[in-house]
Amino acid sequence: AENEPDVLAAWGRAVTNAQVSRVIWVYDGVPPSIDVPEVATVSP
């Protein structure tokens, strides 16, 4: 991946495909939308 948004999008695909139920982003921005049942964000 060439940049941060591309890496974050790749992680979103990865956890969606792995069928993870809960994602907790440690992030200071708005993370990409992903298709998992539960999502939360904690500021670093």
All heavy atoms as atom14 arrays in JSON, in Angstrom:
{
  "sequence": "AENEPDVLAAWGRAVTNAQVSRVIWVYDGVPPSIDVPEVATVSP",
  "atom14_mask": [
    [1, 1, 1, 1, 1, 0, 0, 0, 0, 0, 0, 0, 0, 0],
    [1, 1, 1, 1, 1, 1, 1, 1, 1, 0, 0, 0, 0, 0],
    [1, 1, 1, 1, 1, 1, 1, 1, 0, 0, 0, 0, 0, 0],
    [1, 1, 1, 1, 1, 1, 1, 1, 1, 0, 0, 0, 0, 0],
    [1, 1, 1, 1, 1, 1, 1, 0, 0, 0, 0, 0, 0, 0],
    [1, 1, 1, 1, 1, 1, 1, 1, 0, 0, 0, 0, 0, 0],
    [1, 1, 1, 1, 1, 1, 1, 0, 0, 0, 0, 0, 0, 0],
    [1, 1, 1, 1, 1, 1, 1, 1, 0, 0, 0, 0, 0, 0],
    [1, 1, 1, 1, 1, 0, 0, 0, 0, 0, 0, 0, 0, 0],
    [1, 1, 1, 1, 1, 0, 0, 0, 0, 0, 0, 0, 0, 0],
    [1, 1, 1, 1, 1, 1, 1, 1, 1, 1, 1, 1, 1, 1],
    [1, 1, 1, 1, 0, 0, 0, 0, 0, 0, 0, 0, 0, 0],
    [1, 1, 1, 1, 1, 1, 1, 1, 1, 1, 1, 0, 0, 0],
    [1, 1, 1, 1, 1, 0, 0, 0, 0, 0, 0, 0, 0, 0],
    [1, 1, 1, 1, 1, 1, 1, 0, 0, 0, 0, 0, 0, 0],
    [1, 1, 1, 1, 1, 1, 1, 0, 0, 0, 0, 0, 0, 0],
    [1, 1, 1, 1, 1, 1, 1, 1, 0, 0, 0, 0, 0, 0],
    [1, 1, 1, 1, 1, 0, 0, 0, 0, 0, 0, 0, 0, 0],
    [1, 1, 1, 1, 1, 1, 1, 1, 1, 0, 0, 0, 0, 0],
    [1, 1, 1, 1, 1, 1, 1, 0, 0, 0, 0, 0, 0, 0],
    [1, 1, 1, 1, 1, 1, 0, 0, 0, 0, 0, 0, 0, 0],
    [1, 1, 1, 1, 1, 1, 1, 1, 1, 1, 1, 0, 0, 0],
    [1, 1, 1, 1, 1, 1, 1, 0, 0, 0, 0, 0, 0, 0],
    [1, 1, 1, 1, 1, 1, 1, 1, 0, 0, 0, 0, 0, 0],
    [1, 1, 1, 1, 1, 1, 1, 1, 1, 1, 1, 1, 1, 1],
    [1, 1, 1, 1, 1, 1, 1, 0, 0, 0, 0, 0, 0, 0],
    [1, 1, 1, 1, 1, 1, 1, 1, 1, 1, 1, 1, 0, 0],
    [1, 1, 1, 1, 1, 1, 1, 1, 0, 0, 0, 0, 0, 0],
    [1, 1, 1, 1, 0, 0, 0, 0, 0, 0, 0, 0, 0, 0],
    [1, 1, 1, 1, 1, 1, 1, 0, 0, 0, 0, 0, 0, 0],
    [1, 1, 1, 1, 1, 1, 1, 0, 0, 0, 0, 0, 0, 0],
    [1, 1, 1, 1, 1, 1, 1, 0, 0, 0, 0, 0, 0, 0],
    [1, 1, 1, 1, 1, 1, 0, 0, 0, 0, 0, 0, 0, 0],
    [1, 1, 1, 1, 1, 1, 1, 1, 0, 0, 0, 0, 0, 0],
    [1, 1, 1, 1, 1, 1, 1, 1, 0, 0, 0, 0, 0, 0],
    [1, 1, 1, 1, 1, 1, 1, 0, 0, 0, 0, 0, 0, 0],
    [1, 1, 1, 1, 1, 1, 1, 0, 0, 0, 0, 0, 0, 0],
    [1, 1, 1, 1, 1, 1, 1, 1, 1, 0, 0, 0, 0, 0],
    [1, 1, 1, 1, 1, 1, 1, 0, 0, 0, 0, 0, 0, 0],
    [1, 1, 1, 1, 1, 0, 0, 0, 0, 0, 0, 0, 0, 0],
    [1, 1, 1, 1, 1, 1, 1, 0, 0, 0, 0, 0, 0, 0],
    [1, 1, 1, 1, 1, 1, 1, 0, 0, 0, 0, 0, 0, 0],
    [1, 1, 1, 1, 1, 1, 0, 0, 0, 0, 0, 0, 0, 0],
    [1, 1, 1, 1, 1, 1, 1, 0, 0, 0, 0, 0, 0, 0]
  ],
  "atom14_positions": [
    [[0.86, -1.19, 0.0], [0.0, 0.0, 0.0], [0.89, 1.23, 0.0], [1.96, 1.23, 0.6], [-0.91, 0.01, 1.23], [0.0, 0.0, 0.0], [0.0, 0.0, 0.0], [0.0, 0.0, 0.0], [0.0, 0.0, 0.0], [0.0, 0.0, 0.0], [0.0, 0.0, 0.0], [0.0, 0.0, 0.0], [0.0, 0.0, 0.0], [0.0, 0.0, 0.0]],
    [[0.43, 2.27, -0.66], [1.25, 3.47, -0.82], [1.07, 4.5, 0.28], [1.91, 5.37, 0.47], [0.96, 4.12, -2.17], [1.41, 3.26, -3.33], [1.26, 3.95, -4.65], [1.19, 5.19, -4.68], [1.22, 3.25, -5.66], [0.0, 0.0, 0.0], [0.0, 0.0, 0.0], [0.0, 0.0, 0.0], [0.0, 0.0, 0.0], [0.0, 0.0, 0.0]],
    [[-0.05, 4.43, 1.01], [-0.32, 5.47, 2.0], [-1.2, 4.93, 3.11], [-1.72, 3.82, 3.03], [-0.96, 6.7, 1.32], [-2.2, 6.33, 0.54], [-3.07, 5.61, 1.04], [-2.3, 6.8, -0.69], [0.0, 0.0, 0.0], [0.0, 0.0, 0.0], [0.0, 0.0, 0.0], [0.0, 0.0, 0.0], [0.0, 0.0, 0.0], [0.0, 0.0, 0.0]],
    [[-1.35, 5.75, 4.15], [-2.13, 5.34, 5.32], [-3.56, 4.93, 4.97], [-4.01, 3.87, 5.43], [-2.13, 6.47, 6.36], [-2.94, 6.17, 7.58], [-2.94, 7.31, 8.59], [-2.1, 8.22, 8.5], [-3.8, 7.27, 9.48], [0.0, 0.0, 0.0], [0.0, 0.0, 0.0], [0.0, 0.0, 0.0], [0.0, 0.0, 0.0], [0.0, 0.0, 0.0]],
    [[-4.32, 5.72, 4.19], [-5.69, 5.29, 3.88], [-5.74, 3.92, 3.19], [-6.65, 3.13, 3.46], [-6.22, 6.4, 2.96], [-5.42, 7.6, 3.32], [-4.05, 7.08, 3.68], [0.0, 0.0, 0.0], [0.0, 0.0, 0.0], [0.0, 0.0, 0.0], [0.0, 0.0, 0.0], [0.0, 0.0, 0.0], [0.0, 0.0, 0.0], [0.0, 0.0, 0.0]],
    [[-4.76, 3.63, 2.34], [-4.74, 2.33, 1.68], [-4.47, 1.2, 2.67], [-5.05, 0.12, 2.56], [-3.69, 2.31, 0.56], [-4.07, 3.17, -0.63], [-5.24, 3.6, -0.74], [-3.17, 3.42, -1.46], [0.0, 0.0, 0.0], [0.0, 0.0, 0.0], [0.0, 0.0, 0.0], [0.0, 0.0, 0.0], [0.0, 0.0, 0.0], [0.0, 0.0, 0.0]],
    [[-3.58, 1.43, 3.62], [-3.3, 0.41, 4.65], [-4.54, 0.19, 5.51], [-4.94, -0.96, 5.76], [-2.1, 0.8, 5.53], [-1.9, -0.21, 6.66], [-0.83, 0.91, 4.7], [0.0, 0.0, 0.0], [0.0, 0.0, 0.0], [0.0, 0.0, 0.0], [0.0, 0.0, 0.0], [0.0, 0.0, 0.0], [0.0, 0.0, 0.0], [0.0, 0.0, 0.0]],
    [[-5.19, 1.26, 5.94], [-6.39, 1.12, 6.78], [-7.49, 0.39, 6.02], [-8.2, -0.46, 6.59], [-6.87, 2.49, 7.25], [-5.87, 3.28, 8.11], [-6.5, 4.61, 8.54], [-5.38, 2.49, 9.3], [0.0, 0.0, 0.0], [0.0, 0.0, 0.0], [0.0, 0.0, 0.0], [0.0, 0.0, 0.0], [0.0, 0.0, 0.0], [0.0, 0.0, 0.0]],
    [[-7.65, 0.68, 4.74], [-8.65, -0.02, 3.92], [-8.3, -1.51, 3.81], [-9.19, -2.37, 3.87], [-8.74, 0.62, 2.54], [0.0, 0.0, 0.0], [0.0, 0.0, 0.0], [0.0, 0.0, 0.0], [0.0, 0.0, 0.0], [0.0, 0.0, 0.0], [0.0, 0.0, 0.0], [0.0, 0.0, 0.0], [0.0, 0.0, 0.0], [0.0, 0.0, 0.0]],
    [[-7.01, -1.81, 3.67], [-6.57, -3.21, 3.61], [-6.9, -3.93, 4.91], [-7.36, -5.09, 4.89], [-5.07, -3.29, 3.32], [0.0, 0.0, 0.0], [0.0, 0.0, 0.0], [0.0, 0.0, 0.0], [0.0, 0.0, 0.0], [0.0, 0.0, 0.0], [0.0, 0.0, 0.0], [0.0, 0.0, 0.0], [0.0, 0.0, 0.0], [0.0, 0.0, 0.0]],
    [[-6.68, -3.27, 6.04], [-7.04, -3.88, 7.32], [-8.54, -4.12, 7.39], [-8.98, -5.15, 7.91], [-6.61, -3.0, 8.48], [-5.13, -2.88, 8.67], [-4.15, -3.56, 8.01], [-4.47, -2.03, 9.6], [-2.91, -3.17, 8.47], [-3.08, -2.23, 9.44], [-4.91, -1.11, 10.53], [-2.13, -1.56, 10.2], [-3.97, -0.43, 11.29], [-2.6, -0.66, 11.13]],
    [[-9.33, -3.17, 6.9], [-10.78, -3.35, 6.9], [-11.18, -4.58, 6.1], [-12.02, -5.37, 6.54], [0.0, 0.0, 0.0], [0.0, 0.0, 0.0], [0.0, 0.0, 0.0], [0.0, 0.0, 0.0], [0.0, 0.0, 0.0], [0.0, 0.0, 0.0], [0.0, 0.0, 0.0], [0.0, 0.0, 0.0], [0.0, 0.0, 0.0], [0.0, 0.0, 0.0]],
    [[-10.6, -4.75, 4.92], [-10.87, -5.95, 4.11], [-10.45, -7.21, 4.86], [-11.17, -8.21, 4.87], [-10.14, -5.88, 2.77], [-10.72, -4.91, 1.78], [-10.09, -5.06, 0.4], [-8.64, -4.92, 0.39], [-7.99, -3.76, 0.29], [-8.67, -2.62, 0.23], [-6.66, -3.74, 0.28], [0.0, 0.0, 0.0], [0.0, 0.0, 0.0], [0.0, 0.0, 0.0]],
    [[-9.28, -7.15, 5.47], [-8.74, -8.32, 6.16], [-9.64, -8.78, 7.29], [-9.97, -9.97, 7.39], [-7.34, -8.02, 6.69], [0.0, 0.0, 0.0], [0.0, 0.0, 0.0], [0.0, 0.0, 0.0], [0.0, 0.0, 0.0], [0.0, 0.0, 0.0], [0.0, 0.0, 0.0], [0.0, 0.0, 0.0], [0.0, 0.0, 0.0], [0.0, 0.0, 0.0]],
    [[-10.07, -7.87, 8.15], [-10.89, -8.27, 9.29], [-12.3, -8.66, 8.86], [-12.92, -9.53, 9.47], [-10.91, -7.2, 10.41], [-9.52, -7.01, 10.99], [-11.51, -5.9, 9.96], [0.0, 0.0, 0.0], [0.0, 0.0, 0.0], [0.0, 0.0, 0.0], [0.0, 0.0, 0.0], [0.0, 0.0, 0.0], [0.0, 0.0, 0.0], [0.0, 0.0, 0.0]],
    [[-12.8, -8.04, 7.8], [-14.1, -8.43, 7.26], [-14.03, -9.85, 6.72], [-14.87, -10.7, 7.03], [-14.56, -7.45, 6.17], [-14.7, -6.14, 6.74], [-15.89, -7.87, 5.57], [0.0, 0.0, 0.0], [0.0, 0.0, 0.0], [0.0, 0.0, 0.0], [0.0, 0.0, 0.0], [0.0, 0.0, 0.0], [0.0, 0.0, 0.0], [0.0, 0.0, 0.0]],
    [[-13.01, -10.13, 5.9], [-12.85, -11.47, 5.32], [-12.58, -12.53, 6.38], [-12.97, -13.68, 6.22], [-11.74, -11.47, 4.28], [-12.11, -10.68, 3.05], [-13.28, -10.41, 2.78], [-11.11, -10.29, 2.27], [0.0, 0.0, 0.0], [0.0, 0.0, 0.0], [0.0, 0.0, 0.0], [0.0, 0.0, 0.0], [0.0, 0.0, 0.0], [0.0, 0.0, 0.0]],
    [[-11.9, -12.15, 7.47], [-11.62, -13.09, 8.56], [-12.84, -13.28, 9.46], [-12.8, -14.09, 10.38], [-10.43, -12.6, 9.39], [0.0, 0.0, 0.0], [0.0, 0.0, 0.0], [0.0, 0.0, 0.0], [0.0, 0.0, 0.0], [0.0, 0.0, 0.0], [0.0, 0.0, 0.0], [0.0, 0.0, 0.0], [0.0, 0.0, 0.0], [0.0, 0.0, 0.0]],
    [[-13.9, -12.54, 9.19], [-15.15, -12.6, 9.95], [-14.97, -12.26, 11.43], [-15.56, -12.89, 12.32], [-15.83, -13.95, 9.77], [-16.19, -14.22, 8.32], [-16.89, -15.53, 8.1], [-16.86, -16.43, 8.95], [-17.53, -15.66, 6.96], [0.0, 0.0, 0.0], [0.0, 0.0, 0.0], [0.0, 0.0, 0.0], [0.0, 0.0, 0.0], [0.0, 0.0, 0.0]],
    [[-14.15, -11.24, 11.67], [-13.99, -10.71, 13.02], [-15.31, -10.06, 13.42], [-15.97, -9.41, 12.6], [-12.82, -9.7, 13.06], [-12.79, -8.93, 14.35], [-11.51, -10.42, 12.81], [0.0, 0.0, 0.0], [0.0, 0.0, 0.0], [0.0, 0.0, 0.0], [0.0, 0.0, 0.0], [0.0, 0.0, 0.0], [0.0, 0.0, 0.0], [0.0, 0.0, 0.0]],
    [[-15.7, -10.22, 14.67], [-16.98, -9.65, 15.14], [-16.87, -8.23, 15.66], [-17.82, -7.47, 15.59], [-17.56, -10.53, 16.25], [-17.88, -11.8, 15.74], [0.0, 0.0, 0.0], [0.0, 0.0, 0.0], [0.0, 0.0, 0.0], [0.0, 0.0, 0.0], [0.0, 0.0, 0.0], [0.0, 0.0, 0.0], [0.0, 0.0, 0.0], [0.0, 0.0, 0.0]],
    [[-15.71, -7.9, 16.2], [-15.55, -6.59, 16.86], [-14.22, -5.97, 16.44], [-13.19, -6.63, 16.51], [-15.59, -6.78, 18.37], [-15.43, -5.52, 19.17], [-15.59, -5.79, 20.66], [-16.97, -6.15, 20.93], [-17.41, -6.63, 22.08], [-16.58, -6.81, 23.09], [-18.68, -6.93, 22.25], [0.0, 0.0, 0.0], [0.0, 0.0, 0.0], [0.0, 0.0, 0.0]],
    [[-14.27, -4.71, 16.02], [-13.05, -3.99, 15.66], [-12.93, -2.76, 16.54], [-13.9, -2.0, 16.7], [-13.05, -3.57, 14.17], [-11.9, -2.62, 13.86], [-12.97, -4.8, 13.27], [0.0, 0.0, 0.0], [0.0, 0.0, 0.0], [0.0, 0.0, 0.0], [0.0, 0.0, 0.0], [0.0, 0.0, 0.0], [0.0, 0.0, 0.0], [0.0, 0.0, 0.0]],
    [[-11.76, -2.6, 17.12], [-11.45, -1.41, 17.92], [-10.3, -0.7, 17.22], [-9.18, -1.23, 17.17], [-11.08, -1.78, 19.37], [-12.2, -2.59, 20.02], [-10.76, -0.51, 20.17], [-11.81, -3.27, 21.33], [0.0, 0.0, 0.0], [0.0, 0.0, 0.0], [0.0, 0.0, 0.0], [0.0, 0.0, 0.0], [0.0, 0.0, 0.0], [0.0, 0.0, 0.0]],
    [[-10.6, 0.46, 16.64], [-9.57, 1.27, 16.0], [-8.87, 2.11, 17.06], [-9.55, 2.75, 17.88], [-10.18, 2.22, 14.98], [-10.76, 1.56, 13.77], [-12.06, 1.19, 13.57], [-10.07, 1.23, 12.56], [-12.21, 0.64, 12.34], [-11.01, 0.66, 11.68], [-8.74, 1.36, 12.15], [-10.67, 0.21, 10.4], [-8.4, 0.92, 10.87], [-9.35, 0.35, 10.02]],
    [[-7.56, 2.14, 17.05], [-6.8, 3.1, 17.84], [-6.33, 4.12, 16.82], [-5.36, 3.9, 16.1], [-5.62, 2.43, 18.59], [-4.8, 3.48, 19.35], [-6.14, 1.35, 19.53], [0.0, 0.0, 0.0], [0.0, 0.0, 0.0], [0.0, 0.0, 0.0], [0.0, 0.0, 0.0], [0.0, 0.0, 0.0], [0.0, 0.0, 0.0], [0.0, 0.0, 0.0]],
    [[-7.1, 5.2, 16.74], [-6.95, 6.12, 15.61], [-7.45, 7.5, 16.0], [-8.42, 7.63, 16.73], [-7.77, 5.57, 14.43], [-7.56, 6.25, 13.11], [-6.29, 6.6, 12.65], [-8.64, 6.53, 12.3], [-6.12, 7.22, 11.43], [-8.47, 7.14, 11.06], [-7.21, 7.48, 10.64], [-7.04, 8.09, 9.42], [0.0, 0.0, 0.0], [0.0, 0.0, 0.0]],
    [[-6.79, 8.51, 15.45], [-7.15, 9.89, 15.75], [-7.98, 10.53, 14.64], [-8.13, 11.74, 14.6], [-5.9, 10.73, 16.03], [-4.85, 10.62, 14.94], [-5.12, 9.96, 13.9], [-3.76, 11.16, 15.12], [0.0, 0.0, 0.0], [0.0, 0.0, 0.0], [0.0, 0.0, 0.0], [0.0, 0.0, 0.0], [0.0, 0.0, 0.0], [0.0, 0.0, 0.0]],
    [[-8.5, 9.73, 13.75], [-9.32, 10.24, 12.65], [-10.58, 9.41, 12.51], [-10.96, 8.68, 13.42], [0.0, 0.0, 0.0], [0.0, 0.0, 0.0], [0.0, 0.0, 0.0], [0.0, 0.0, 0.0], [0.0, 0.0, 0.0], [0.0, 0.0, 0.0], [0.0, 0.0, 0.0], [0.0, 0.0, 0.0], [0.0, 0.0, 0.0], [0.0, 0.0, 0.0]],
    [[-11.2, 9.53, 11.36], [-12.39, 8.73, 11.06], [-11.92, 7.51, 10.27], [-11.43, 7.65, 9.15], [-13.41, 9.55, 10.25], [-14.61, 8.69, 9.89], [-13.84, 10.79, 11.01], [0.0, 0.0, 0.0], [0.0, 0.0, 0.0], [0.0, 0.0, 0.0], [0.0, 0.0, 0.0], [0.0, 0.0, 0.0], [0.0, 0.0, 0.0], [0.0, 0.0, 0.0]],
    [[-12.07, 6.32, 10.85], [-11.59, 5.13, 10.16], [-12.5, 4.79, 8.98], [-13.66, 5.24, 8.92], [-11.66, 4.04, 11.23], [-12.66, 4.52, 12.2], [-12.63, 6.02, 12.16], [0.0, 0.0, 0.0], [0.0, 0.0, 0.0], [0.0, 0.0, 0.0], [0.0, 0.0, 0.0], [0.0, 0.0, 0.0], [0.0, 0.0, 0.0], [0.0, 0.0, 0.0]],
    [[-12.01, 3.98, 8.07], [-12.86, 3.58, 6.95], [-14.04, 2.74, 7.43], [-13.95, 2.06, 8.45], [-11.93, 2.75, 6.07], [-10.8, 2.33, 6.94], [-10.69, 3.37, 8.01], [0.0, 0.0, 0.0], [0.0, 0.0, 0.0], [0.0, 0.0, 0.0], [0.0, 0.0, 0.0], [0.0, 0.0, 0.0], [0.0, 0.0, 0.0], [0.0, 0.0, 0.0]],
    [[-15.11, 2.83, 6.71], [-16.29, 2.03, 7.02], [-15.98, 0.56, 6.69], [-15.42, 0.26, 5.64], [-17.47, 2.53, 6.19], [-18.6, 1.74, 6.45], [0.0, 0.0, 0.0], [0.0, 0.0, 0.0], [0.0, 0.0, 0.0], [0.0, 0.0, 0.0], [0.0, 0.0, 0.0], [0.0, 0.0, 0.0], [0.0, 0.0, 0.0], [0.0, 0.0, 0.0]],
    [[-16.32, -0.32, 7.62], [-16.1, -1.74, 7.41], [-17.35, -2.52, 7.79], [-18.16, -2.06, 8.58], [-14.87, -2.26, 8.19], [-14.98, -1.97, 9.69], [-13.59, -1.69, 7.62], [-13.85, -2.54, 10.51], [0.0, 0.0, 0.0], [0.0, 0.0, 0.0], [0.0, 0.0, 0.0], [0.0, 0.0, 0.0], [0.0, 0.0, 0.0], [0.0, 0.0, 0.0]],
    [[-17.46, -3.71, 7.23], [-18.65, -4.53, 7.42], [-18.41, -5.59, 8.5], [-18.21, -6.75, 8.21], [-19.04, -5.18, 6.1], [-20.37, -5.9, 6.17], [-21.18, -5.57, 7.06], [-20.59, -6.81, 5.35], [0.0, 0.0, 0.0], [0.0, 0.0, 0.0], [0.0, 0.0, 0.0], [0.0, 0.0, 0.0], [0.0, 0.0, 0.0], [0.0, 0.0, 0.0]],
    [[-18.37, -5.13, 9.76], [-18.3, -6.03, 10.91], [-19.39, -5.61, 11.88], [-19.82, -4.45, 11.88], [-16.91, -6.01, 11.59], [-15.82, -6.49, 10.64], [-16.58, -4.66, 12.14], [0.0, 0.0, 0.0], [0.0, 0.0, 0.0], [0.0, 0.0, 0.0], [0.0, 0.0, 0.0], [0.0, 0.0, 0.0], [0.0, 0.0, 0.0], [0.0, 0.0, 0.0]],
    [[-19.88, -6.52, 12.72], [-21.01, -6.2, 13.6], [-20.78, -5.06, 14.58], [-21.68, -4.27, 14.83], [-21.27, -7.51, 14.34], [-20.73, -8.57, 13.43], [-19.54, -7.94, 12.75], [0.0, 0.0, 0.0], [0.0, 0.0, 0.0], [0.0, 0.0, 0.0], [0.0, 0.0, 0.0], [0.0, 0.0, 0.0], [0.0, 0.0, 0.0], [0.0, 0.0, 0.0]],
    [[-19.56, -4.95, 15.16], [-19.31, -3.94, 16.17], [-18.01, -3.21, 15.9], [-16.98, -3.85, 15.67], [-19.24, -4.57, 17.58], [-20.52, -5.26, 17.99], [-20.41, -5.9, 19.37], [-19.31, -6.36, 19.74], [-21.42, -5.92, 20.06], [0.0, 0.0, 0.0], [0.0, 0.0, 0.0], [0.0, 0.0, 0.0], [0.0, 0.0, 0.0], [0.0, 0.0, 0.0]],
    [[-18.06, -1.88, 15.95], [-16.88, -1.06, 15.69], [-16.82, 0.06, 16.71], [-17.85, 0.69, 17.01], [-16.91, -0.45, 14.27], [-15.68, 0.41, 14.03], [-17.01, -1.54, 13.21], [0.0, 0.0, 0.0], [0.0, 0.0, 0.0], [0.0, 0.0, 0.0], [0.0, 0.0, 0.0], [0.0, 0.0, 0.0], [0.0, 0.0, 0.0], [0.0, 0.0, 0.0]],
    [[-15.63, 0.31, 17.24], [-15.41, 1.42, 18.16], [-14.06, 2.05, 17.82], [-13.21, 1.42, 17.19], [-15.41, 0.94, 19.61], [0.0, 0.0, 0.0], [0.0, 0.0, 0.0], [0.0, 0.0, 0.0], [0.0, 0.0, 0.0], [0.0, 0.0, 0.0], [0.0, 0.0, 0.0], [0.0, 0.0, 0.0], [0.0, 0.0, 0.0], [0.0, 0.0, 0.0]],
    [[-13.89, 3.29, 18.26], [-12.62, 4.0, 18.05], [-12.15, 4.57, 19.38], [-12.94, 5.14, 20.13], [-12.79, 5.14, 17.03], [-13.29, 4.59, 15.81], [-11.47, 5.83, 16.75], [0.0, 0.0, 0.0], [0.0, 0.0, 0.0], [0.0, 0.0, 0.0], [0.0, 0.0, 0.0], [0.0, 0.0, 0.0], [0.0, 0.0, 0.0], [0.0, 0.0, 0.0]],
    [[-10.86, 4.4, 19.65], [-10.23, 4.97, 20.83], [-9.1, 5.87, 20.32], [-8.32, 5.47, 19.47], [-9.66, 3.88, 21.76], [-8.9, 4.48, 22.92], [-10.77, 2.96, 22.25], [0.0, 0.0, 0.0], [0.0, 0.0, 0.0], [0.0, 0.0, 0.0], [0.0, 0.0, 0.0], [0.0, 0.0, 0.0], [0.0, 0.0, 0.0], [0.0, 0.0, 0.0]],
    [[-9.02, 7.07, 20.86], [-7.97, 7.99, 20.44], [-6.62, 7.57, 21.01], [-6.52, 7.27, 22.21], [-8.28, 9.42, 20.91], [-7.17, 10.26, 20.69], [0.0, 0.0, 0.0], [0.0, 0.0, 0.0], [0.0, 0.0, 0.0], [0.0, 0.0, 0.0], [0.0, 0.0, 0.0], [0.0, 0.0, 0.0], [0.0, 0.0, 0.0], [0.0, 0.0, 0.0]],
    [[-5.58, 7.57, 20.19], [-4.25, 7.25, 20.73], [-3.75, 8.3, 21.71], [-2.82, 8.03, 22.47], [-3.37, 7.2, 19.48], [-4.1, 7.96, 18.44], [-5.55, 7.85, 18.77], [0.0, 0.0, 0.0], [0.0, 0.0, 0.0], [0.0, 0.0, 0.0], [0.0, 0.0, 0.0], [0.0, 0.0, 0.0], [0.0, 0.0, 0.0], [0.0, 0.0, 0.0]]
  ]
}
